[in-house]
Protein backbone atom coordinates (compact mmCIF):
# COMPACT_ATOMS: atom_id res chain seq x y z
CA UNK A 1 0.00 0.00 0.00
CA UNK A 2 2.81 2.45 0.86
CA UNK A 3 4.55 1.83 -2.47
CA UNK A 4 1.30 2.63 -4.30
CA UNK A 5 0.98 5.93 -2.42
CA UNK A 6 4.62 6.82 -3.08
CA UNK A 7 4.20 6.00 -6.78
CA UNK A 8 1.04 8.11 -7.01
CA UNK A 9 2.77 11.03 -5.27
CA UNK A 10 5.75 10.77 -7.63
CA UNK A 11 3.46 10.82 -10.67
CA UNK A 12 1.61 13.85 -9.31
CA UNK A 13 4.86 15.77 -8.82
CA UNK A 14 6.23 14.84 -12.25
CA UNK A 15 2.94 15.55 -13.96
CA UNK A 16 2.60 19.08 -12.61
CA UNK A 17 5.91 20.25 -14.11
CA UNK A 18 4.82 19.65 -17.69
CA UNK A 19 1.82 21.98 -17.48
CA UNK A 20 3.77 24.86 -15.94
CA UNK A 21 4.43 27.91 -18.11
CA UNK A 22 7.99 28.87 -18.97
CA UNK A 23 9.66 31.33 -16.61
CA UNK A 24 10.87 34.42 -18.48
CA UNK A 25 14.32 35.78 -17.69
CA UNK A 26 15.49 39.17 -18.95
CA UNK A 27 19.13 39.35 -20.03
CA UNK A 28 20.97 42.43 -21.17
CA UNK A 29 24.00 42.88 -23.37
CA UNK A 30 25.95 45.94 -24.50
CA UNK A 31 25.92 47.08 -28.11
CA UNK A 32 24.38 44.75 -30.70
CA UNK A 33 24.48 41.05 -31.50
CA UNK A 34 28.13 39.94 -31.32
CA UNK A 35 30.28 36.88 -30.65
CA UNK A 36 30.11 37.36 -26.88
CA UNK A 37 26.40 36.48 -27.00
CA UNK A 38 26.80 33.47 -29.35
CA UNK A 39 26.42 30.93 -26.51
CA UNK A 40 22.96 32.38 -25.85
CA UNK A 41 21.93 32.02 -29.49
CA UNK A 42 23.26 28.45 -29.66
CA UNK A 43 21.45 27.47 -26.45
CA UNK A 44 18.24 29.04 -27.73
CA UNK A 45 18.50 27.36 -31.15
CA UNK A 46 19.15 23.95 -29.62
CA UNK A 47 16.23 24.32 -27.21
CA UNK A 48 18.29 24.17 -24.01
CA UNK A 49 16.28 26.96 -22.38
CA UNK A 50 12.92 25.46 -23.28
CA UNK A 51 14.09 22.08 -21.99
CA UNK A 52 14.58 23.67 -18.56
CA UNK A 53 11.32 25.64 -18.69
CA UNK A 54 12.92 29.01 -19.41
CA UNK A 55 12.14 31.75 -21.91
CA UNK A 56 14.85 34.35 -22.47
CA UNK A 57 14.10 37.99 -23.27
CA UNK A 58 17.42 39.39 -24.54
CA UNK A 59 17.84 43.14 -24.95
CA UNK A 60 20.77 45.37 -25.89
CA UNK A 61 21.75 48.70 -24.35
CA UNK A 62 23.93 51.48 -25.74
CA UNK A 63 26.57 51.27 -22.99
CA UNK A 64 27.41 49.51 -19.76
């Protein structure tokens, strides 16, 4: 009986993560798109952020 309850609890915890909306993070960089930000673009293109439930809002500023 205990193993059934533990299994049901585990399924409930795992199941709730899939329905959760992505958390949006705001990231800033200086200037415009450049090689310093390439790791971000690669991670976004390969879906690494989405895999972890993240959405990235990248913006650029004129100076630091």
